mmCIF file of all heavy atoms, coordinates in Angstrom:
data_MODEL
# 
_entry.id   MODEL 
# 
loop_
_atom_site.group_PDB 
_atom_site.id 
_atom_site.type_symbol 
_atom_site.label_atom_id 
_atom_site.label_alt_id 
_atom_site.label_comp_id 
_atom_site.label_asym_id 
_atom_site.label_entity_id 
_atom_site.label_seq_id 
_atom_site.pdbx_PDB_ins_code 
_atom_site.Cartn_x 
_atom_site.Cartn_y 
_atom_site.Cartn_z 
_atom_site.occupancy 
_atom_site.B_iso_or_equiv 
_atom_site.pdbx_formal_charge 
_atom_site.auth_seq_id 
_atom_site.auth_comp_id 
_atom_site.auth_asym_id 
_atom_site.auth_atom_id 
_atom_site.pdbx_PDB_model_num 
ATOM 1   N N   . SER A 1 1  ? -7.307  -8.928  12.967 1.00 0.00 ? 1  SER A N   1 
ATOM 2   C CA  . SER A 1 1  ? -6.337  -9.871  13.543 1.00 0.00 ? 1  SER A CA  1 
ATOM 3   C C   . SER A 1 1  ? -5.814  -10.873 12.581 1.00 0.00 ? 1  SER A C   1 
ATOM 4   O O   . SER A 1 1  ? -4.808  -11.561 12.857 1.00 0.00 ? 1  SER A O   1 
ATOM 5   C CB  . SER A 1 1  ? -6.868  -10.535 14.759 1.00 0.00 ? 1  SER A CB  1 
ATOM 6   O OG  . SER A 1 1  ? -7.887  -11.464 14.426 1.00 0.00 ? 1  SER A OG  1 
ATOM 7   N N   . ARG A 1 2  ? -6.480  -11.065 11.429 1.00 0.00 ? 2  ARG A N   1 
ATOM 8   C CA  . ARG A 1 2  ? -5.984  -12.024 10.434 1.00 0.00 ? 2  ARG A CA  1 
ATOM 9   C C   . ARG A 1 2  ? -5.079  -11.336 9.441  1.00 0.00 ? 2  ARG A C   1 
ATOM 10  O O   . ARG A 1 2  ? -4.488  -12.061 8.623  1.00 0.00 ? 2  ARG A O   1 
ATOM 11  C CB  . ARG A 1 2  ? -7.205  -12.644 9.734  1.00 0.00 ? 2  ARG A CB  1 
ATOM 12  C CG  . ARG A 1 2  ? -7.990  -13.546 10.631 1.00 0.00 ? 2  ARG A CG  1 
ATOM 13  C CD  . ARG A 1 2  ? -9.094  -14.284 9.845  1.00 0.00 ? 2  ARG A CD  1 
ATOM 14  N NE  . ARG A 1 2  ? -9.970  -13.348 9.160  1.00 0.00 ? 2  ARG A NE  1 
ATOM 15  C CZ  . ARG A 1 2  ? -11.296 -13.245 9.472  1.00 0.00 ? 2  ARG A CZ  1 
ATOM 16  N NH1 . ARG A 1 2  ? -11.801 -13.942 10.400 1.00 0.00 ? 2  ARG A NH1 1 
ATOM 17  N NH2 . ARG A 1 2  ? -12.055 -12.439 8.750  1.00 0.00 ? 2  ARG A NH2 1 
ATOM 18  N N   . ILE A 1 3  ? -4.964  -10.054 9.486  1.00 0.00 ? 3  ILE A N   1 
ATOM 19  C CA  . ILE A 1 3  ? -4.070  -9.334  8.515  1.00 0.00 ? 3  ILE A CA  1 
ATOM 20  C C   . ILE A 1 3  ? -2.673  -9.434  9.149  1.00 0.00 ? 3  ILE A C   1 
ATOM 21  O O   . ILE A 1 3  ? -2.450  -8.935  10.319 1.00 0.00 ? 3  ILE A O   1 
ATOM 22  C CB  . ILE A 1 3  ? -4.514  -7.958  8.345  1.00 0.00 ? 3  ILE A CB  1 
ATOM 23  C CG1 . ILE A 1 3  ? -5.863  -7.903  7.602  1.00 0.00 ? 3  ILE A CG1 1 
ATOM 24  C CG2 . ILE A 1 3  ? -3.529  -7.103  7.494  1.00 0.00 ? 3  ILE A CG2 1 
ATOM 25  C CD1 . ILE A 1 3  ? -6.529  -6.540  7.536  1.00 0.00 ? 3  ILE A CD1 1 
ATOM 26  N N   . THR A 1 4  ? -1.696  -9.885  8.383  1.00 0.00 ? 4  THR A N   1 
ATOM 27  C CA  . THR A 1 4  ? -0.333  -9.990  8.894  1.00 0.00 ? 4  THR A CA  1 
ATOM 28  C C   . THR A 1 4  ? 0.402   -8.652  8.731  1.00 0.00 ? 4  THR A C   1 
ATOM 29  O O   . THR A 1 4  ? 0.039   -7.788  7.954  1.00 0.00 ? 4  THR A O   1 
ATOM 30  C CB  . THR A 1 4  ? 0.458   -11.049 8.174  1.00 0.00 ? 4  THR A CB  1 
ATOM 31  O OG1 . THR A 1 4  ? 0.686   -10.646 6.844  1.00 0.00 ? 4  THR A OG1 1 
ATOM 32  C CG2 . THR A 1 4  ? -0.213  -12.405 8.273  1.00 0.00 ? 4  THR A CG2 1 
ATOM 33  N N   . LEU A 1 5  ? 1.409   -8.480  9.521  1.00 0.00 ? 5  LEU A N   1 
ATOM 34  C CA  . LEU A 1 5  ? 2.224   -7.246  9.440  1.00 0.00 ? 5  LEU A CA  1 
ATOM 35  C C   . LEU A 1 5  ? 2.847   -7.136  8.026  1.00 0.00 ? 5  LEU A C   1 
ATOM 36  O O   . LEU A 1 5  ? 2.867   -6.037  7.459  1.00 0.00 ? 5  LEU A O   1 
ATOM 37  C CB  . LEU A 1 5  ? 3.340   -7.367  10.512 1.00 0.00 ? 5  LEU A CB  1 
ATOM 38  C CG  . LEU A 1 5  ? 4.149   -6.079  10.661 1.00 0.00 ? 5  LEU A CG  1 
ATOM 39  C CD1 . LEU A 1 5  ? 3.368   -4.858  10.935 1.00 0.00 ? 5  LEU A CD1 1 
ATOM 40  C CD2 . LEU A 1 5  ? 5.089   -6.262  11.871 1.00 0.00 ? 5  LEU A CD2 1 
ATOM 41  N N   . GLY A 1 6  ? 3.243   -8.330  7.480  1.00 0.00 ? 6  GLY A N   1 
ATOM 42  C CA  . GLY A 1 6  ? 3.809   -8.224  6.113  1.00 0.00 ? 6  GLY A CA  1 
ATOM 43  C C   . GLY A 1 6  ? 2.755   -7.725  5.131  1.00 0.00 ? 6  GLY A C   1 
ATOM 44  O O   . GLY A 1 6  ? 3.062   -6.855  4.226  1.00 0.00 ? 6  GLY A O   1 
ATOM 45  N N   . GLU A 1 7  ? 1.580   -8.217  5.207  1.00 0.00 ? 7  GLU A N   1 
ATOM 46  C CA  . GLU A 1 7  ? 0.468   -7.710  4.279  1.00 0.00 ? 7  GLU A CA  1 
ATOM 47  C C   . GLU A 1 7  ? 0.169   -6.235  4.553  1.00 0.00 ? 7  GLU A C   1 
ATOM 48  O O   . GLU A 1 7  ? 0.045   -5.483  3.564  1.00 0.00 ? 7  GLU A O   1 
ATOM 49  C CB  . GLU A 1 7  ? -0.801  -8.509  4.480  1.00 0.00 ? 7  GLU A CB  1 
ATOM 50  C CG  . GLU A 1 7  ? -0.744  -9.908  4.100  1.00 0.00 ? 7  GLU A CG  1 
ATOM 51  C CD  . GLU A 1 7  ? -1.876  -10.817 4.559  1.00 0.00 ? 7  GLU A CD  1 
ATOM 52  O OE1 . GLU A 1 7  ? -2.442  -10.437 5.696  1.00 0.00 ? 7  GLU A OE1 1 
ATOM 53  O OE2 . GLU A 1 7  ? -2.148  -11.823 3.965  1.00 0.00 ? 7  GLU A OE2 1 
ATOM 54  N N   . ALA A 1 8  ? 0.171   -5.763  5.773  1.00 0.00 ? 8  ALA A N   1 
ATOM 55  C CA  . ALA A 1 8  ? -0.115  -4.450  6.124  1.00 0.00 ? 8  ALA A CA  1 
ATOM 56  C C   . ALA A 1 8  ? 0.969   -3.528  5.547  1.00 0.00 ? 8  ALA A C   1 
ATOM 57  O O   . ALA A 1 8  ? 0.655   -2.442  5.000  1.00 0.00 ? 8  ALA A O   1 
ATOM 58  C CB  . ALA A 1 8  ? -0.282  -4.201  7.624  1.00 0.00 ? 8  ALA A CB  1 
ATOM 59  N N   . ILE A 1 9  ? 2.165   -3.896  5.721  1.00 0.00 ? 9  ILE A N   1 
ATOM 60  C CA  . ILE A 1 9  ? 3.340   -3.077  5.217  1.00 0.00 ? 9  ILE A CA  1 
ATOM 61  C C   . ILE A 1 9  ? 3.226   -3.058  3.697  1.00 0.00 ? 9  ILE A C   1 
ATOM 62  O O   . ILE A 1 9  ? 3.405   -1.915  3.105  1.00 0.00 ? 9  ILE A O   1 
ATOM 63  C CB  . ILE A 1 9  ? 4.634   -3.564  5.740  1.00 0.00 ? 9  ILE A CB  1 
ATOM 64  C CG1 . ILE A 1 9  ? 4.824   -3.392  7.201  1.00 0.00 ? 9  ILE A CG1 1 
ATOM 65  C CG2 . ILE A 1 9  ? 5.869   -2.922  4.996  1.00 0.00 ? 9  ILE A CG2 1 
ATOM 66  C CD1 . ILE A 1 9  ? 5.930   -4.170  7.822  1.00 0.00 ? 9  ILE A CD1 1 
ATOM 67  N N   . GLU A 1 10 ? 3.072   -4.145  3.044  1.00 0.00 ? 10 GLU A N   1 
ATOM 68  C CA  . GLU A 1 10 ? 2.997   -4.142  1.611  1.00 0.00 ? 10 GLU A CA  1 
ATOM 69  C C   . GLU A 1 10 ? 1.859   -3.311  1.087  1.00 0.00 ? 10 GLU A C   1 
ATOM 70  O O   . GLU A 1 10 ? 2.076   -2.514  0.067  1.00 0.00 ? 10 GLU A O   1 
ATOM 71  C CB  . GLU A 1 10 ? 2.826   -5.556  1.078  1.00 0.00 ? 10 GLU A CB  1 
ATOM 72  C CG  . GLU A 1 10 ? 4.109   -6.463  1.238  1.00 0.00 ? 10 GLU A CG  1 
ATOM 73  C CD  . GLU A 1 10 ? 3.916   -7.820  0.849  1.00 0.00 ? 10 GLU A CD  1 
ATOM 74  O OE1 . GLU A 1 10 ? 2.740   -8.315  0.473  1.00 0.00 ? 10 GLU A OE1 1 
ATOM 75  O OE2 . GLU A 1 10 ? 4.900   -8.654  0.905  1.00 0.00 ? 10 GLU A OE2 1 
ATOM 76  N N   . HIS A 1 11 ? 0.715   -3.293  1.705  1.00 0.00 ? 11 HIS A N   1 
ATOM 77  C CA  . HIS A 1 11 ? -0.389  -2.467  1.318  1.00 0.00 ? 11 HIS A CA  1 
ATOM 78  C C   . HIS A 1 11 ? -0.075  -1.020  1.496  1.00 0.00 ? 11 HIS A C   1 
ATOM 79  O O   . HIS A 1 11 ? -0.409  -0.199  0.653  1.00 0.00 ? 11 HIS A O   1 
ATOM 80  C CB  . HIS A 1 11 ? -1.676  -2.849  2.025  1.00 0.00 ? 11 HIS A CB  1 
ATOM 81  C CG  . HIS A 1 11 ? -2.878  -2.186  1.489  1.00 0.00 ? 11 HIS A CG  1 
ATOM 82  N ND1 . HIS A 1 11 ? -3.346  -1.010  2.147  1.00 0.00 ? 11 HIS A ND1 1 
ATOM 83  C CD2 . HIS A 1 11 ? -3.694  -2.478  0.521  1.00 0.00 ? 11 HIS A CD2 1 
ATOM 84  C CE1 . HIS A 1 11 ? -4.361  -0.557  1.466  1.00 0.00 ? 11 HIS A CE1 1 
ATOM 85  N NE2 . HIS A 1 11 ? -4.647  -1.423  0.435  1.00 0.00 ? 11 HIS A NE2 1 
ATOM 86  N N   . ALA A 1 12 ? 0.467   -0.660  2.613  1.00 0.00 ? 12 ALA A N   1 
ATOM 87  C CA  . ALA A 1 12 ? 0.872   0.710   2.929  1.00 0.00 ? 12 ALA A CA  1 
ATOM 88  C C   . ALA A 1 12 ? 1.756   1.277   1.857  1.00 0.00 ? 12 ALA A C   1 
ATOM 89  O O   . ALA A 1 12 ? 1.640   2.393   1.366  1.00 0.00 ? 12 ALA A O   1 
ATOM 90  C CB  . ALA A 1 12 ? 1.369   0.858   4.323  1.00 0.00 ? 12 ALA A CB  1 
ATOM 91  N N   . VAL A 1 13 ? 2.778   0.431   1.505  1.00 0.00 ? 13 VAL A N   1 
ATOM 92  C CA  . VAL A 1 13 ? 3.752   0.850   0.420  1.00 0.00 ? 13 VAL A CA  1 
ATOM 93  C C   . VAL A 1 13 ? 2.975   1.029   -0.857 1.00 0.00 ? 13 VAL A C   1 
ATOM 94  O O   . VAL A 1 13 ? 3.187   1.986   -1.621 1.00 0.00 ? 13 VAL A O   1 
ATOM 95  C CB  . VAL A 1 13 ? 4.857   -0.146  0.325  1.00 0.00 ? 13 VAL A CB  1 
ATOM 96  C CG1 . VAL A 1 13 ? 5.671   0.069   -0.918 1.00 0.00 ? 13 VAL A CG1 1 
ATOM 97  C CG2 . VAL A 1 13 ? 5.768   -0.144  1.607  1.00 0.00 ? 13 VAL A CG2 1 
ATOM 98  N N   . ASP A 1 14 ? 2.098   0.033   -1.204 1.00 0.00 ? 14 ASP A N   1 
ATOM 99  C CA  . ASP A 1 14 ? 1.248   0.184   -2.411 1.00 0.00 ? 14 ASP A CA  1 
ATOM 100 C C   . ASP A 1 14 ? 0.480   1.511   -2.493 1.00 0.00 ? 14 ASP A C   1 
ATOM 101 O O   . ASP A 1 14 ? 0.324   2.112   -3.526 1.00 0.00 ? 14 ASP A O   1 
ATOM 102 C CB  . ASP A 1 14 ? 0.412   -1.026  -2.616 1.00 0.00 ? 14 ASP A CB  1 
ATOM 103 C CG  . ASP A 1 14 ? 1.189   -2.282  -3.072 1.00 0.00 ? 14 ASP A CG  1 
ATOM 104 O OD1 . ASP A 1 14 ? 2.281   -2.100  -3.408 1.00 0.00 ? 14 ASP A OD1 1 
ATOM 105 O OD2 . ASP A 1 14 ? 0.542   -3.361  -2.937 1.00 0.00 ? 14 ASP A OD2 1 
ATOM 106 N N   . VAL A 1 15 ? -0.064  1.896   -1.314 1.00 0.00 ? 15 VAL A N   1 
ATOM 107 C CA  . VAL A 1 15 ? -0.924  3.135   -1.209 1.00 0.00 ? 15 VAL A CA  1 
ATOM 108 C C   . VAL A 1 15 ? -0.052  4.325   -1.620 1.00 0.00 ? 15 VAL A C   1 
ATOM 109 O O   . VAL A 1 15 ? -0.534  5.272   -2.296 1.00 0.00 ? 15 VAL A O   1 
ATOM 110 C CB  . VAL A 1 15 ? -1.568  3.182   0.104  1.00 0.00 ? 15 VAL A CB  1 
ATOM 111 C CG1 . VAL A 1 15 ? -2.097  4.597   0.418  1.00 0.00 ? 15 VAL A CG1 1 
ATOM 112 C CG2 . VAL A 1 15 ? -2.534  2.134   0.323  1.00 0.00 ? 15 VAL A CG2 1 
ATOM 113 N N   . VAL A 1 16 ? 1.174   4.437   -1.083 1.00 0.00 ? 16 VAL A N   1 
ATOM 114 C CA  . VAL A 1 16 ? 2.004   5.680   -1.296 1.00 0.00 ? 16 VAL A CA  1 
ATOM 115 C C   . VAL A 1 16 ? 2.842   5.632   -2.545 1.00 0.00 ? 16 VAL A C   1 
ATOM 116 O O   . VAL A 1 16 ? 3.400   6.637   -2.869 1.00 0.00 ? 16 VAL A O   1 
ATOM 117 C CB  . VAL A 1 16 ? 2.863   5.951   -0.047 1.00 0.00 ? 16 VAL A CB  1 
ATOM 118 C CG1 . VAL A 1 16 ? 1.977   6.176   1.209  1.00 0.00 ? 16 VAL A CG1 1 
ATOM 119 C CG2 . VAL A 1 16 ? 3.904   4.935   0.256  1.00 0.00 ? 16 VAL A CG2 1 
ATOM 120 N N   . ARG A 1 17 ? 2.996   4.426   -3.069 1.00 0.00 ? 17 ARG A N   1 
ATOM 121 C CA  . ARG A 1 17 ? 3.866   4.281   -4.242 1.00 0.00 ? 17 ARG A CA  1 
ATOM 122 C C   . ARG A 1 17 ? 3.616   5.247   -5.393 1.00 0.00 ? 17 ARG A C   1 
ATOM 123 O O   . ARG A 1 17 ? 4.459   5.789   -6.048 1.00 0.00 ? 17 ARG A O   1 
ATOM 124 C CB  . ARG A 1 17 ? 3.874   2.868   -4.743 1.00 0.00 ? 17 ARG A CB  1 
ATOM 125 C CG  . ARG A 1 17 ? 5.133   2.475   -5.519 1.00 0.00 ? 17 ARG A CG  1 
ATOM 126 C CD  . ARG A 1 17 ? 5.269   1.063   -5.786 1.00 0.00 ? 17 ARG A CD  1 
ATOM 127 N NE  . ARG A 1 17 ? 6.315   0.564   -4.911 1.00 0.00 ? 17 ARG A NE  1 
ATOM 128 C CZ  . ARG A 1 17 ? 6.202   -0.589  -4.231 1.00 0.00 ? 17 ARG A CZ  1 
ATOM 129 N NH1 . ARG A 1 17 ? 5.158   -1.391  -4.323 1.00 0.00 ? 17 ARG A NH1 1 
ATOM 130 N NH2 . ARG A 1 17 ? 7.257   -1.005  -3.438 1.00 0.00 ? 17 ARG A NH2 1 
ATOM 131 N N   . PRO A 1 18 ? 2.335   5.491   -5.785 1.00 0.00 ? 18 PRO A N   1 
ATOM 132 C CA  . PRO A 1 18 ? 2.006   6.370   -6.854 1.00 0.00 ? 18 PRO A CA  1 
ATOM 133 C C   . PRO A 1 18 ? 2.507   7.886   -6.538 1.00 0.00 ? 18 PRO A C   1 
ATOM 134 O O   . PRO A 1 18 ? 3.171   8.495   -7.411 1.00 0.00 ? 18 PRO A O   1 
ATOM 135 C CB  . PRO A 1 18 ? 0.503   6.407   -6.975 1.00 0.00 ? 18 PRO A CB  1 
ATOM 136 C CG  . PRO A 1 18 ? 0.068   5.051   -6.427 1.00 0.00 ? 18 PRO A CG  1 
ATOM 137 C CD  . PRO A 1 18 ? 1.059   4.749   -5.376 1.00 0.00 ? 18 PRO A CD  1 
ATOM 138 N N   . ARG A 1 19 ? 2.267   8.286   -5.353 1.00 0.00 ? 19 ARG A N   1 
ATOM 139 C CA  . ARG A 1 19 ? 2.789   9.608   -5.008 1.00 0.00 ? 19 ARG A CA  1 
ATOM 140 C C   . ARG A 1 19 ? 4.288   9.672   -4.944 1.00 0.00 ? 19 ARG A C   1 
ATOM 141 O O   . ARG A 1 19 ? 4.931   10.643  -5.425 1.00 0.00 ? 19 ARG A O   1 
ATOM 142 C CB  . ARG A 1 19 ? 2.213   10.049  -3.653 1.00 0.00 ? 19 ARG A CB  1 
ATOM 143 C CG  . ARG A 1 19 ? 2.706   11.426  -3.157 1.00 0.00 ? 19 ARG A CG  1 
ATOM 144 C CD  . ARG A 1 19 ? 2.118   12.515  -4.092 1.00 0.00 ? 19 ARG A CD  1 
ATOM 145 N NE  . ARG A 1 19 ? 2.698   13.803  -3.678 1.00 0.00 ? 19 ARG A NE  1 
ATOM 146 C CZ  . ARG A 1 19 ? 3.155   14.675  -4.595 1.00 0.00 ? 19 ARG A CZ  1 
ATOM 147 N NH1 . ARG A 1 19 ? 3.112   14.478  -5.879 1.00 0.00 ? 19 ARG A NH1 1 
ATOM 148 N NH2 . ARG A 1 19 ? 3.636   15.909  -4.142 1.00 0.00 ? 19 ARG A NH2 1 
ATOM 149 N N   . ALA A 1 20 ? 4.909   8.625   -4.478 1.00 0.00 ? 20 ALA A N   1 
ATOM 150 C CA  . ALA A 1 20 ? 6.382   8.534   -4.476 1.00 0.00 ? 20 ALA A CA  1 
ATOM 151 C C   . ALA A 1 20 ? 6.896   8.548   -5.945 1.00 0.00 ? 20 ALA A C   1 
ATOM 152 O O   . ALA A 1 20 ? 7.900   9.323   -6.197 1.00 0.00 ? 20 ALA A O   1 
ATOM 153 C CB  . ALA A 1 20 ? 6.851   7.313   -3.811 1.00 0.00 ? 20 ALA A CB  1 
ATOM 154 N N   . ALA A 1 21 ? 6.261   7.875   -6.814 1.00 0.00 ? 21 ALA A N   1 
ATOM 155 C CA  . ALA A 1 21 ? 6.691   7.895   -8.257 1.00 0.00 ? 21 ALA A CA  1 
ATOM 156 C C   . ALA A 1 21 ? 6.572   9.341   -8.833 1.00 0.00 ? 21 ALA A C   1 
ATOM 157 O O   . ALA A 1 21 ? 7.437   9.724   -9.592 1.00 0.00 ? 21 ALA A O   1 
ATOM 158 C CB  . ALA A 1 21 ? 5.847   6.948   -9.000 1.00 0.00 ? 21 ALA A CB  1 
ATOM 159 N N   . GLU A 1 22 ? 5.490   10.073  -8.446 1.00 0.00 ? 22 GLU A N   1 
ATOM 160 C CA  . GLU A 1 22 ? 5.370   11.440  -8.943 1.00 0.00 ? 22 GLU A CA  1 
ATOM 161 C C   . GLU A 1 22 ? 6.534   12.280  -8.469 1.00 0.00 ? 22 GLU A C   1 
ATOM 162 O O   . GLU A 1 22 ? 6.986   13.205  -9.162 1.00 0.00 ? 22 GLU A O   1 
ATOM 163 C CB  . GLU A 1 22 ? 4.141   12.086  -8.370 1.00 0.00 ? 22 GLU A CB  1 
ATOM 164 C CG  . GLU A 1 22 ? 2.809   11.568  -8.987 1.00 0.00 ? 22 GLU A CG  1 
ATOM 165 C CD  . GLU A 1 22 ? 1.581   12.118  -8.315 1.00 0.00 ? 22 GLU A CD  1 
ATOM 166 O OE1 . GLU A 1 22 ? 1.734   12.955  -7.435 1.00 0.00 ? 22 GLU A OE1 1 
ATOM 167 O OE2 . GLU A 1 22 ? 0.462   11.627  -8.574 1.00 0.00 ? 22 GLU A OE2 1 
ATOM 168 N N   . LEU A 1 23 ? 7.129   11.968  -7.339 1.00 0.00 ? 23 LEU A N   1 
ATOM 169 C CA  . LEU A 1 23 ? 8.239   12.711  -6.734 1.00 0.00 ? 23 LEU A CA  1 
ATOM 170 C C   . LEU A 1 23 ? 9.613   12.151  -7.236 1.00 0.00 ? 23 LEU A C   1 
ATOM 171 O O   . LEU A 1 23 ? 10.640  12.603  -6.821 1.00 0.00 ? 23 LEU A O   1 
ATOM 172 C CB  . LEU A 1 23 ? 8.135   12.685  -5.203 1.00 0.00 ? 23 LEU A CB  1 
ATOM 173 C CG  . LEU A 1 23 ? 6.994   13.412  -4.636 1.00 0.00 ? 23 LEU A CG  1 
ATOM 174 C CD1 . LEU A 1 23 ? 6.900   13.130  -3.143 1.00 0.00 ? 23 LEU A CD1 1 
ATOM 175 C CD2 . LEU A 1 23 ? 6.922   14.862  -4.873 1.00 0.00 ? 23 LEU A CD2 1 
ATOM 176 N N   . GLY A 1 24 ? 9.570   11.102  -8.008 1.00 0.00 ? 24 GLY A N   1 
ATOM 177 C CA  . GLY A 1 24 ? 10.819  10.441  -8.476 1.00 0.00 ? 24 GLY A CA  1 
ATOM 178 C C   . GLY A 1 24 ? 11.521  9.538   -7.458 1.00 0.00 ? 24 GLY A C   1 
ATOM 179 O O   . GLY A 1 24 ? 12.653  9.269   -7.459 1.00 0.00 ? 24 GLY A O   1 
ATOM 180 N N   . ILE A 1 25 ? 10.619  9.081   -6.537 1.00 0.00 ? 25 ILE A N   1 
ATOM 181 C CA  . ILE A 1 25 ? 11.122  8.245   -5.417 1.00 0.00 ? 25 ILE A CA  1 
ATOM 182 C C   . ILE A 1 25 ? 10.790  6.736   -5.672 1.00 0.00 ? 25 ILE A C   1 
ATOM 183 O O   . ILE A 1 25 ? 9.587   6.500   -5.999 1.00 0.00 ? 25 ILE A O   1 
ATOM 184 C CB  . ILE A 1 25 ? 10.582  8.650   -4.068 1.00 0.00 ? 25 ILE A CB  1 
ATOM 185 C CG1 . ILE A 1 25 ? 11.007  10.101  -3.840 1.00 0.00 ? 25 ILE A CG1 1 
ATOM 186 C CG2 . ILE A 1 25 ? 11.039  7.726   -2.975 1.00 0.00 ? 25 ILE A CG2 1 
ATOM 187 C CD1 . ILE A 1 25 ? 10.300  10.780  -2.655 1.00 0.00 ? 25 ILE A CD1 1 
ATOM 188 N N   . VAL A 1 26 ? 11.681  5.859   -5.574 1.00 0.00 ? 26 VAL A N   1 
ATOM 189 C CA  . VAL A 1 26 ? 11.390  4.459   -5.673 1.00 0.00 ? 26 VAL A CA  1 
ATOM 190 C C   . VAL A 1 26 ? 11.398  3.841   -4.314 1.00 0.00 ? 26 VAL A C   1 
ATOM 191 O O   . VAL A 1 26 ? 12.365  4.045   -3.555 1.00 0.00 ? 26 VAL A O   1 
ATOM 192 C CB  . VAL A 1 26 ? 12.372  3.707   -6.579 1.00 0.00 ? 26 VAL A CB  1 
ATOM 193 C CG1 . VAL A 1 26 ? 12.123  2.224   -6.580 1.00 0.00 ? 26 VAL A CG1 1 
ATOM 194 C CG2 . VAL A 1 26 ? 12.388  4.268   -7.959 1.00 0.00 ? 26 VAL A CG2 1 
ATOM 195 N N   . ILE A 1 27 ? 10.302  3.160   -3.914 1.00 0.00 ? 27 ILE A N   1 
ATOM 196 C CA  . ILE A 1 27 ? 10.243  2.612   -2.597 1.00 0.00 ? 27 ILE A CA  1 
ATOM 197 C C   . ILE A 1 27 ? 10.549  1.080   -2.727 1.00 0.00 ? 27 ILE A C   1 
ATOM 198 O O   . ILE A 1 27 ? 9.839   0.328   -3.474 1.00 0.00 ? 27 ILE A O   1 
ATOM 199 C CB  . ILE A 1 27 ? 8.850   2.737   -1.879 1.00 0.00 ? 27 ILE A CB  1 
ATOM 200 C CG1 . ILE A 1 27 ? 8.547   4.243   -1.803 1.00 0.00 ? 27 ILE A CG1 1 
ATOM 201 C CG2 . ILE A 1 27 ? 8.784   1.971   -0.665 1.00 0.00 ? 27 ILE A CG2 1 
ATOM 202 C CD1 . ILE A 1 27 ? 7.128   4.515   -1.244 1.00 0.00 ? 27 ILE A CD1 1 
ATOM 203 N N   . ALA A 1 28 ? 11.566  0.650   -2.029 1.00 0.00 ? 28 ALA A N   1 
ATOM 204 C CA  . ALA A 1 28 ? 11.900  -0.762  -1.906 1.00 0.00 ? 28 ALA A CA  1 
ATOM 205 C C   . ALA A 1 28 ? 11.615  -1.261  -0.545 1.00 0.00 ? 28 ALA A C   1 
ATOM 206 O O   . ALA A 1 28 ? 11.841  -0.583  0.457  1.00 0.00 ? 28 ALA A O   1 
ATOM 207 C CB  . ALA A 1 28 ? 13.351  -0.982  -2.236 1.00 0.00 ? 28 ALA A CB  1 
# 
């Protein structure tokens, strides 16, 4: 309950960013 939606979204993006980079995708 102390984790904010902003923190959760940023973390989820960080988790998938390496795979996205392998595919040539930039996540903004």
